[in-house]
Protein backbone atom coordinates (compact mmCIF):
# COMPACT_ATOMS: atom_id res chain seq x y z
CA MET A 1 -0.12 -6.89 -5.30
CA ALA A 2 -1.78 -3.57 -4.67
CA VAL A 3 -0.65 -1.40 -1.79
CA VAL A 4 -4.19 -1.54 -0.23
CA GLY A 5 -4.01 -5.36 -0.14
CA LYS A 6 -0.56 -5.33 1.54
CA ALA A 7 -1.90 -2.85 4.15
CA LYS A 8 -4.85 -5.07 4.90
CA GLU A 9 -2.33 -8.04 5.29
CA ALA A 10 -0.67 -6.20 8.11
CA GLU A 11 -3.59 -7.15 10.31
CA ALA A 12 -2.74 -10.87 9.91
CA LYS A 13 1.02 -10.34 10.34
CA GLN A 14 0.42 -8.29 13.59
CA MET A 15 -2.06 -10.64 15.04
CA LEU A 16 0.04 -13.76 14.29
CA SER A 17 3.08 -12.07 15.76
CA SER A 18 1.10 -11.50 19.02
CA LEU A 19 -0.13 -15.13 18.90
CA GLY A 20 3.39 -16.32 18.52
CA GLN A 21 4.65 -14.42 21.52
CA THR A 22 1.62 -15.56 23.63
CA GLN A 23 2.25 -19.24 22.62
CA GLN A 24 5.80 -18.85 23.81
CA ALA A 25 4.77 -17.52 27.25
CA TYR A 26 2.09 -20.25 27.46
CA TYR A 27 4.80 -22.87 26.76
CA LEU A 28 7.08 -21.56 29.35
CA GLU A 29 4.35 -21.59 32.01
CA ASN A 30 2.71 -24.92 31.01
CA ALA A 31 5.38 -27.05 29.29
CA LYS A 32 3.18 -27.36 26.30
CA PHE A 33 1.53 -25.08 23.54
CA ALA A 34 -2.03 -23.94 23.83
CA ASP A 35 -4.43 -26.01 21.70
CA LYS A 36 -7.38 -23.61 21.97
CA LEU A 37 -7.37 -19.74 21.32
CA GLU A 38 -9.35 -19.20 24.45
CA ASN A 39 -6.32 -20.58 26.57
CA LEU A 40 -4.13 -17.75 25.22
CA ASP A 41 -6.12 -14.90 26.97
CA ILE A 42 -5.71 -12.65 23.83
CA VAL A 43 -8.27 -10.36 22.32
CA PHE A 44 -9.07 -10.87 18.63
CA SER A 45 -10.32 -7.93 16.64
CA GLY A 46 -9.82 -9.08 12.90
CA TYR A 47 -11.71 -7.47 10.14
CA TYR A 48 -9.90 -8.90 7.04
CA TYR A 49 -8.97 -12.21 8.70
CA ASN A 50 -10.36 -15.05 10.76
CA TYR A 51 -7.98 -16.86 12.99
CA GLU A 52 -7.86 -20.67 13.29
CA GLU A 53 -7.56 -22.73 16.44
CA PRO A 54 -4.06 -23.69 17.12
CA VAL A 55 -2.87 -27.01 15.59
CA ILE A 56 -0.40 -28.84 17.75
CA ILE A 57 2.54 -30.52 15.58
CA THR A 58 2.78 -34.09 16.68
CA ASN A 59 5.12 -35.65 13.92
CA SER A 60 8.26 -33.59 14.85
CA PRO A 61 11.17 -34.27 17.10
CA TYR A 62 10.50 -30.95 18.94
CA PRO A 63 7.28 -29.49 20.16
CA GLY A 64 5.46 -26.97 17.83
CA VAL A 65 2.25 -25.26 17.03
CA LYS A 66 0.75 -23.73 14.04
CA GLN A 67 -1.56 -20.73 13.92
CA GLY A 68 -3.42 -19.64 10.78
CA ALA A 69 -4.87 -16.40 9.42
CA ILE A 70 -7.59 -17.11 6.96
CA ALA A 71 -8.47 -14.15 4.71
CA VAL A 72 -12.07 -12.94 4.57
CA ASN A 73 -13.07 -12.39 0.98
CA SER A 74 -9.44 -12.84 -0.15
CA LEU A 75 -10.13 -12.15 -3.80
CA GLU A 76 -12.22 -9.03 -3.30
CA ASN A 77 -9.83 -7.65 -0.68
CA ASN A 78 -6.68 -8.87 -2.42
CA THR A 79 -5.23 -10.51 0.61
CA ARG A 80 -3.25 -13.70 1.04
CA GLU A 81 -3.43 -16.20 3.82
CA TYR A 82 -0.82 -16.76 6.47
CA GLN A 83 0.30 -19.43 8.92
CA LEU A 84 2.77 -19.23 11.67
CA GLY A 85 4.78 -22.21 13.00
CA VAL A 86 6.15 -21.82 16.61
CA TYR A 87 8.80 -24.47 17.55
CA TYR A 88 10.73 -25.11 20.72
CA ASN A 89 14.01 -27.22 20.64
CA SER A 90 14.69 -27.26 24.44
CA LYS A 91 16.83 -24.27 24.27
CA SER A 92 14.99 -21.66 22.25
CA PHE A 93 11.91 -20.84 20.17
CA LEU A 94 11.91 -20.39 16.43
CA LEU A 95 8.98 -18.87 14.50
CA VAL A 96 8.36 -19.30 10.80
CA LEU A 97 5.72 -17.25 9.03
CA CYS A 98 4.38 -18.52 5.77
CA GLN A 99 2.33 -16.60 3.13
CA SER A 100 0.25 -17.98 0.43
CA LEU A 101 1.41 -17.40 -3.07
CA SER A 102 -1.68 -15.49 -4.06
CA PRO A 103 -5.21 -14.63 -2.77
CA ASN A 104 -7.53 -17.61 -2.34
CA GLN A 105 -4.67 -20.04 -1.73
CA ASN A 106 -3.56 -21.76 1.55
CA ALA A 107 -0.51 -21.20 3.42
CA GLN A 108 1.16 -23.84 5.54
CA ALA A 109 3.92 -23.69 8.02
CA PRO A 110 6.43 -26.55 8.05
CA ASN A 111 6.15 -29.41 10.53
CA ILE A 112 9.69 -28.96 11.57
CA SER A 113 11.47 -25.66 12.50
CA ASP A 114 14.05 -25.98 9.61
CA GLY A 115 11.44 -27.25 6.95
CA GLU A 116 10.11 -25.18 4.07
CA CYS A 117 6.79 -23.53 3.92
CA ILE A 118 4.26 -25.79 2.12
CA ASN A 119 2.66 -24.36 -1.07
CA SER A 120 3.54 -21.08 0.23
CA THR A 121 6.60 -18.79 0.82
CA LYS A 122 8.46 -17.73 3.97
CA VAL A 123 8.10 -14.19 5.14
CA GLN A 124 11.40 -12.69 6.14
């Protein structure tokens, strides 16, 4: 992947990191994850990515939410998609960031905190 594409991907990683932190704070205040971006009181200024509404994970033993960053013109910009999973196990939070394998493919975080990224790879 070209250096320019990786630099553009920093936007998604930074925004998803901020969303993950904001979701944790929201959970501690409300005992649930936010199901709408507007509830997170965060400013979005993406150029290379659009950010999906949160998806609450319902088929898991612990509460969780997924937040996606969908690349705009992924082939032209040589950017991959990302999805962050935020999980709470009654003691601590765990975040898993998944990255699509190549531009124009989807990334999907696992439904459980110790699961594997689906059709994507975990970002360390």
